Amino acid sequence: MARWPPASPHRQSSRSPPPGPTTHVDQTLSPGIPQDLADLEAAAESYGYGYRGQAPTRVLADLVTDFTTLRPLLTVPQPAPVRARLCRTAGQMAGMTAIVLHDLGSRRESRAWFATAARAAAESGDPQLHAWVLAREAMVPLNYGAPKAAADLADQARHAAGTRPTAAAALAAAVAARAYALNHQSEHARQALTAADALMDRLPASERSDTWLTYGEQKHHVHLSHAFTTLGDTRRAQESQQRALELSAPTSTMTRTLLTIDGAACSHHDGDTEQACRRTVAALTALPVDYRTGLVRRRALDLYEAIPAQHHREPAVQALRDVVAG
């Protein structure tokens, strides 16, 4: 288990400027509040907007650098309100670091960062942050072949979030629905989808923005797309895919590719395996190299493995196999 506070991670980039001329004055005017805290809180908010066209490795390097700046502040005594703010920011940053590692396919490292995020969230006293961490962590086993473990984590997240309409509660219900669908628990999956829809309808505007830390309509339909695709409800899956694509920025490279693969899986389910393979190959080959790994590769491999063996010699299926292997 990773220690809390965690050991200083490897610095992958350095962009800390020298202290400004007002450093000592600022510290005198604001005793007990670390000068970097507001900057770090703003950085965490900024990271929440996702990749924004940047390579995941670039975002990961910046997150680790800022977390390295935050870590020493957790090792010295702080007033309780300041400590809570620091832990909240640490939980957010560690959770987002884990998200990027998950997307890159680094499952073990992702779980270690989620463990750090969970401890920070628990110490912050924010149950919604703790629920968010658990729900996001559930997506690691969900996307990498352990749906039962994913359902267990999602259930923990739903319990932590409670019944109020919050971003964490809606996310947890949607992730649980996907896990149940993968576990062939169709009735449980549909009940969780109904709960996710109800929570989404009641979410306050402040929690509907399109960030990693909130739960907007675009994210909702991304989850619904995968859940309905897994359930074989291709009509509703395609409706959610279309809506999610309408709401996704052109720079949302990974999300748009995953939606395309969901659409291809629907084509396979409806009997057009050749078209499914061609769509997936086109989506993968159009990606920048940094994106052809991790989650995207795993989802394409799931499609390939769903194709019966007797079709594996067909040219389109072989092309999918080659691009996934490459």
Protein backbone atom coordinates (compact mmCIF):
# COMPACT_ATOMS: atom_id res chain seq x y z
CA MET A 1 0.00 0.00 0.00
CA ALA A 2 1.22 3.52 -0.77
CA ARG A 3 2.03 5.68 2.27
CA TRP A 4 -0.07 8.73 3.11
CA PRO A 5 1.22 11.31 2.56
CA PRO A 6 2.86 9.46 -0.35
CA ALA A 7 6.55 9.40 -1.08
CA SER A 8 7.63 12.07 -3.50
CA PRO A 9 6.99 10.77 -7.05
CA HIS A 10 9.45 11.06 -9.89
CA ARG A 11 9.40 14.56 -11.29
CA GLN A 12 8.67 14.30 -14.99
CA SER A 13 8.84 18.03 -15.67
CA SER A 14 9.85 21.17 -13.84
CA ARG A 15 8.15 24.50 -14.22
CA SER A 16 8.34 26.12 -10.77
CA PRO A 17 9.30 29.83 -11.07
CA PRO A 18 11.47 31.55 -8.49
CA PRO A 19 9.60 33.13 -5.56
CA GLY A 20 8.22 36.60 -6.26
CA PRO A 21 9.38 39.70 -4.40
CA THR A 22 6.28 39.75 -2.16
CA THR A 23 6.71 36.22 -0.74
CA HIS A 24 7.54 37.26 2.83
CA VAL A 25 4.92 40.04 2.88
CA ASP A 26 2.23 37.60 1.70
CA GLN A 27 3.15 35.10 4.38
CA THR A 28 2.98 37.82 7.05
CA LEU A 29 -0.44 38.97 5.86
CA SER A 30 -1.82 35.40 5.72
CA PRO A 31 -0.33 33.54 8.66
CA GLY A 32 -1.00 29.80 8.73
CA ILE A 33 -2.08 29.56 5.07
CA PRO A 34 0.56 28.20 2.68
CA GLN A 35 1.19 30.64 -0.14
CA ASP A 36 0.94 27.87 -2.76
CA LEU A 37 -2.46 26.59 -1.63
CA ALA A 38 -4.68 28.83 -3.77
CA ASP A 39 -2.47 28.20 -6.81
CA LEU A 40 -2.66 24.46 -6.26
CA GLU A 41 -6.45 24.57 -5.85
CA ALA A 42 -6.70 26.51 -9.11
CA ALA A 43 -4.38 24.01 -10.81
CA ALA A 44 -6.59 21.11 -9.65
CA GLU A 45 -9.64 22.86 -11.08
CA SER A 46 -7.81 23.40 -14.37
CA TYR A 47 -6.73 19.75 -14.62
CA GLY A 48 -10.37 18.77 -14.16
CA TYR A 49 -11.09 19.96 -17.71
CA GLY A 50 -9.28 16.91 -19.05
CA TYR A 51 -6.79 16.55 -21.84
CA ARG A 52 -7.99 19.43 -24.04
CA GLY A 53 -6.05 18.05 -26.98
CA GLN A 54 -2.86 17.41 -25.00
CA ALA A 55 -1.14 14.03 -24.97
CA PRO A 56 -2.00 12.07 -21.81
CA THR A 57 1.71 11.75 -21.01
CA ARG A 58 2.04 15.56 -20.98
CA VAL A 59 -0.91 15.94 -18.60
CA LEU A 60 0.50 13.20 -16.38
CA ALA A 61 3.87 14.94 -16.15
CA ASP A 62 2.27 18.25 -15.14
CA LEU A 63 0.01 16.60 -12.55
CA VAL A 64 2.93 14.80 -10.94
CA THR A 65 4.95 18.02 -10.82
CA ASP A 66 2.16 19.92 -9.06
CA PHE A 67 1.50 17.03 -6.67
CA THR A 68 5.20 17.11 -5.80
CA THR A 69 4.79 20.78 -4.90
CA LEU A 70 1.78 19.98 -2.70
CA ARG A 71 3.27 17.03 -0.83
CA PRO A 72 5.62 18.93 1.56
CA LEU A 73 2.66 21.03 2.75
CA LEU A 74 1.06 17.84 4.08
CA THR A 75 4.07 16.88 6.17
CA VAL A 76 4.00 19.91 8.49
CA PRO A 77 1.33 20.93 11.03
CA GLN A 78 -1.46 23.10 9.58
CA PRO A 79 -4.64 24.61 11.05
CA ALA A 80 -7.52 22.15 10.63
CA PRO A 81 -9.35 24.15 7.90
CA VAL A 82 -6.12 24.50 5.91
CA ARG A 83 -5.33 20.81 6.35
CA ALA A 84 -8.80 19.94 5.02
CA ARG A 85 -8.26 22.13 1.94
CA LEU A 86 -4.85 20.58 1.33
CA CYS A 87 -6.25 17.06 1.63
CA ARG A 88 -9.11 17.89 -0.70
CA THR A 89 -6.72 19.23 -3.33
CA ALA A 90 -4.42 16.24 -2.85
CA GLY A 91 -7.38 13.88 -3.28
CA GLN A 92 -8.43 15.60 -6.49
CA MET A 93 -4.92 15.67 -7.97
CA ALA A 94 -4.10 12.09 -6.98
CA GLY A 95 -7.44 10.93 -8.40
CA MET A 96 -6.84 12.69 -11.71
CA THR A 97 -3.30 11.29 -11.88
CA ALA A 98 -4.87 7.84 -11.43
CA ILE A 99 -7.36 8.59 -14.23
CA VAL A 100 -4.59 9.41 -16.69
CA LEU A 101 -2.61 6.31 -15.69
CA HIS A 102 -5.78 4.24 -16.18
CA ASP A 103 -6.24 5.70 -19.65
CA LEU A 104 -2.63 4.84 -20.48
CA GLY A 105 -3.12 1.25 -19.35
CA SER A 106 -0.94 1.48 -16.22
CA ARG A 107 -3.35 -0.38 -13.98
CA ARG A 108 -1.09 -1.06 -11.00
CA GLU A 109 0.15 2.53 -10.82
CA SER A 110 -3.41 3.78 -11.26
CA ARG A 111 -4.64 1.72 -8.30
CA ALA A 112 -1.78 3.02 -6.12
CA TRP A 113 -2.70 6.64 -6.90
CA PHE A 114 -6.38 5.91 -6.27
CA ALA A 115 -5.42 4.50 -2.85
CA THR A 116 -3.61 7.77 -2.09
CA ALA A 117 -6.60 9.76 -3.37
CA ALA A 118 -9.00 7.77 -1.17
CA ARG A 119 -6.94 8.43 1.97
CA ALA A 120 -6.67 12.13 1.18
CA ALA A 121 -10.40 12.35 0.45
CA ALA A 122 -11.25 10.57 3.72
CA GLU A 123 -9.04 12.95 5.70
CA SER A 124 -10.53 15.98 3.95
CA GLY A 125 -13.92 15.16 5.47
CA ASP A 126 -15.64 15.44 2.07
CA PRO A 127 -17.79 12.31 1.51
CA GLN A 128 -18.63 13.34 -2.05
CA LEU A 129 -14.95 13.51 -2.97
CA HIS A 130 -14.44 10.09 -1.38
CA ALA A 131 -17.39 8.71 -3.38
CA TRP A 132 -15.99 10.26 -6.58
CA VAL A 133 -12.61 8.58 -5.98
CA LEU A 134 -14.26 5.18 -5.42
CA ALA A 135 -16.45 5.54 -8.52
CA ARG A 136 -13.50 6.54 -10.69
CA GLU A 137 -11.39 3.72 -9.24
CA ALA A 138 -14.17 1.27 -10.16
CA MET A 139 -13.50 2.10 -13.80
CA VAL A 140 -10.06 0.44 -13.63
CA PRO A 141 -11.37 -3.12 -13.10
CA LEU A 142 -14.42 -2.24 -15.20
CA ASN A 143 -12.32 -1.48 -18.25
CA TYR A 144 -9.68 -4.14 -17.71
CA GLY A 145 -11.64 -7.33 -17.27
CA ALA A 146 -12.80 -7.50 -13.63
CA PRO A 147 -16.45 -6.36 -13.63
CA LYS A 148 -17.29 -7.99 -10.28
CA ALA A 149 -14.57 -5.96 -8.54
CA ALA A 150 -15.86 -2.90 -10.40
CA ALA A 151 -19.39 -3.49 -9.15
CA ASP A 152 -18.16 -3.85 -5.57
CA LEU A 153 -16.30 -0.51 -5.76
CA ALA A 154 -19.23 1.20 -7.46
CA ASP A 155 -21.56 -0.05 -4.73
CA GLN A 156 -19.19 1.39 -2.11
CA ALA A 157 -19.23 4.69 -4.00
CA ARG A 158 -23.03 4.74 -4.11
CA HIS A 159 -23.17 4.13 -0.36
CA ALA A 160 -20.62 6.90 0.33
CA ALA A 161 -22.43 9.39 -1.93
CA GLY A 162 -25.84 8.86 -0.35
CA THR A 163 -29.15 9.66 -2.01
CA ARG A 164 -28.70 13.37 -2.71
CA PRO A 165 -28.37 14.33 -6.40
CA THR A 166 -24.62 14.88 -6.66
CA ALA A 167 -22.06 14.34 -9.39
CA ALA A 168 -20.48 11.50 -7.42
CA ALA A 169 -23.82 9.76 -6.87
CA ALA A 170 -24.75 9.95 -10.56
CA LEU A 171 -21.31 8.75 -11.64
CA ALA A 172 -21.40 5.84 -9.19
CA ALA A 173 -24.82 4.71 -10.44
CA ALA A 174 -23.71 4.88 -14.08
CA VAL A 175 -20.49 2.96 -13.41
CA ALA A 176 -22.44 0.35 -11.42
CA ALA A 177 -24.80 -0.07 -14.39
CA ARG A 178 -21.85 -0.78 -16.71
CA ALA A 179 -20.37 -3.27 -14.25
CA TYR A 180 -23.68 -5.08 -13.80
CA ALA A 181 -24.12 -5.26 -17.57
CA LEU A 182 -20.68 -6.83 -17.97
CA ASN A 183 -21.60 -9.28 -15.18
CA HIS A 184 -24.72 -10.30 -17.14
CA GLN A 185 -26.94 -8.86 -14.39
CA SER A 186 -29.28 -7.15 -16.81
CA GLU A 187 -32.02 -6.27 -14.32
CA HIS A 188 -29.55 -4.74 -11.87
CA ALA A 189 -27.96 -2.82 -14.74
CA ARG A 190 -31.26 -1.35 -15.87
CA GLN A 191 -32.18 -0.38 -12.30
CA ALA A 192 -28.86 1.41 -11.94
CA LEU A 193 -29.39 3.17 -15.28
CA THR A 194 -32.79 4.36 -14.08
CA ALA A 195 -31.18 5.66 -10.88
CA ALA A 196 -28.41 7.41 -12.87
CA ASP A 197 -31.00 9.10 -15.11
CA ALA A 198 -33.01 10.25 -12.10
CA LEU A 199 -29.92 11.69 -10.40
CA MET A 200 -28.83 13.37 -13.63
CA ASP A 201 -32.23 15.05 -13.98
CA ARG A 202 -31.92 16.52 -10.46
CA LEU A 203 -28.27 17.57 -10.55
CA PRO A 204 -27.69 21.23 -9.71
CA ALA A 205 -26.15 23.34 -12.46
CA SER A 206 -22.90 23.65 -10.46
CA GLU A 207 -22.29 19.90 -10.84
CA ARG A 208 -23.24 19.57 -14.52
CA SER A 209 -20.15 21.04 -16.14
CA ASP A 210 -18.01 18.86 -18.39
CA THR A 211 -15.03 18.09 -16.16
CA TRP A 212 -13.46 15.04 -14.56
CA LEU A 213 -14.68 16.26 -11.16
CA THR A 214 -18.31 16.89 -12.12
CA TYR A 215 -20.94 15.00 -14.13
CA GLY A 216 -22.26 16.63 -17.26
CA GLU A 217 -24.66 15.36 -19.91
CA GLN A 218 -21.81 14.37 -22.21
CA LYS A 219 -20.23 12.13 -19.57
CA HIS A 220 -23.64 10.66 -18.75
CA HIS A 221 -24.20 9.58 -22.34
CA VAL A 222 -20.68 8.16 -22.62
CA HIS A 223 -21.50 5.83 -19.72
CA LEU A 224 -24.95 5.04 -21.11
CA SER A 225 -23.41 4.23 -24.49
CA HIS A 226 -21.19 1.55 -23.00
CA ALA A 227 -23.88 0.16 -20.69
CA PHE A 228 -26.51 -0.16 -23.44
CA THR A 229 -23.92 -1.53 -25.89
CA THR A 230 -23.00 -4.22 -23.37
CA LEU A 231 -26.69 -5.01 -22.77
CA GLY A 232 -27.23 -5.39 -26.52
CA ASP A 233 -29.76 -2.54 -26.56
CA THR A 234 -28.24 -1.07 -29.70
CA ARG A 235 -31.00 1.45 -30.39
CA ARG A 236 -30.58 3.21 -27.05
CA ALA A 237 -26.80 2.81 -27.23
CA GLN A 238 -26.70 4.56 -30.60
CA GLU A 239 -28.93 7.36 -29.29
CA SER A 240 -26.47 7.97 -26.45
CA GLN A 241 -23.48 7.72 -28.80
CA GLN A 242 -24.97 10.36 -31.08
CA ARG A 243 -25.77 12.70 -28.20
CA ALA A 244 -22.36 12.23 -26.58
CA LEU A 245 -20.60 12.97 -29.89
CA GLU A 246 -22.70 16.13 -30.32
CA LEU A 247 -21.56 17.30 -26.87
CA SER A 248 -17.89 16.25 -27.23
CA ALA A 249 -15.32 18.81 -28.31
CA PRO A 250 -13.27 17.96 -31.42
CA THR A 251 -10.23 17.77 -29.12
CA SER A 252 -11.85 15.00 -27.00
CA THR A 253 -9.85 12.45 -28.96
CA MET A 254 -10.05 9.51 -26.57
CA THR A 255 -13.75 9.92 -25.77
CA ARG A 256 -14.75 10.22 -29.42
CA THR A 257 -12.74 7.12 -30.29
CA LEU A 258 -14.32 5.08 -27.49
CA LEU A 259 -17.77 6.13 -28.68
CA THR A 260 -16.86 5.06 -32.21
CA ILE A 261 -15.78 1.64 -30.93
CA ASP A 262 -19.04 1.35 -28.98
CA GLY A 263 -20.86 2.07 -32.23
CA ALA A 264 -18.80 -0.58 -33.99
CA ALA A 265 -19.68 -3.09 -31.25
CA CYS A 266 -23.35 -2.29 -31.91
CA SER A 267 -22.81 -3.03 -35.61
CA HIS A 268 -21.27 -6.38 -34.69
CA HIS A 269 -24.19 -7.18 -32.37
CA ASP A 270 -26.63 -6.34 -35.18
CA GLY A 271 -24.85 -8.69 -37.59
CA ASP A 272 -22.43 -6.49 -39.55
CA THR A 273 -19.08 -7.66 -38.22
CA GLU A 274 -17.14 -6.50 -41.27
CA GLN A 275 -18.39 -2.94 -40.86
CA ALA A 276 -17.62 -3.09 -37.12
CA CYS A 277 -14.01 -4.07 -37.81
CA ARG A 278 -13.54 -1.46 -40.53
CA ARG A 279 -14.89 1.34 -38.31
CA THR A 280 -12.64 0.34 -35.43
CA VAL A 281 -9.53 0.04 -37.62
CA ALA A 282 -10.22 3.47 -39.13
CA ALA A 283 -10.69 5.02 -35.68
CA LEU A 284 -7.48 3.51 -34.29
CA THR A 285 -5.27 4.33 -37.26
CA ALA A 286 -6.49 7.95 -37.18
CA LEU A 287 -5.29 8.34 -33.60
CA PRO A 288 -2.00 9.96 -32.59
CA VAL A 289 0.47 7.34 -31.37
CA ASP A 290 0.13 8.42 -27.71
CA TYR A 291 -3.56 7.46 -27.77
CA ARG A 292 -3.22 3.98 -29.32
CA THR A 293 -2.71 2.27 -26.02
CA GLY A 294 -4.33 1.57 -22.70
CA LEU A 295 -8.09 1.99 -22.61
CA VAL A 296 -8.61 2.52 -26.34
CA ARG A 297 -6.64 -0.62 -27.20
CA ARG A 298 -8.48 -2.59 -24.50
CA ARG A 299 -11.90 -1.60 -25.87
CA ALA A 300 -10.88 -2.55 -29.42
CA LEU A 301 -9.52 -5.87 -28.13
CA ASP A 302 -12.86 -6.50 -26.39
CA LEU A 303 -14.56 -6.17 -29.77
CA TYR A 304 -12.09 -8.53 -31.44
CA GLU A 305 -12.53 -11.13 -28.69
CA ALA A 306 -16.32 -10.94 -29.08
CA ILE A 307 -16.06 -12.07 -32.71
CA PRO A 308 -16.52 -15.85 -33.08
CA ALA A 309 -13.36 -17.72 -34.01
CA GLN A 310 -14.77 -18.92 -37.34
CA HIS A 311 -14.64 -15.32 -38.59
CA HIS A 312 -11.03 -14.66 -37.58
CA ARG A 313 -9.68 -15.44 -41.06
CA GLU A 314 -11.82 -12.79 -42.73
CA PRO A 315 -9.76 -9.83 -44.02
CA ALA A 316 -11.56 -7.16 -41.95
CA VAL A 317 -11.20 -9.18 -38.75
CA GLN A 318 -7.52 -9.84 -39.46
CA ALA A 319 -7.00 -6.11 -40.03
CA LEU A 320 -8.54 -5.41 -36.61
CA ARG A 321 -6.32 -8.05 -35.02
CA ASP A 322 -3.23 -6.52 -36.62
CA VAL A 323 -3.97 -2.96 -35.55
CA VAL A 324 -4.73 -4.05 -31.98
CA ALA A 325 -1.53 -6.09 -31.86
CA GLY A 326 0.54 -3.34 -33.41
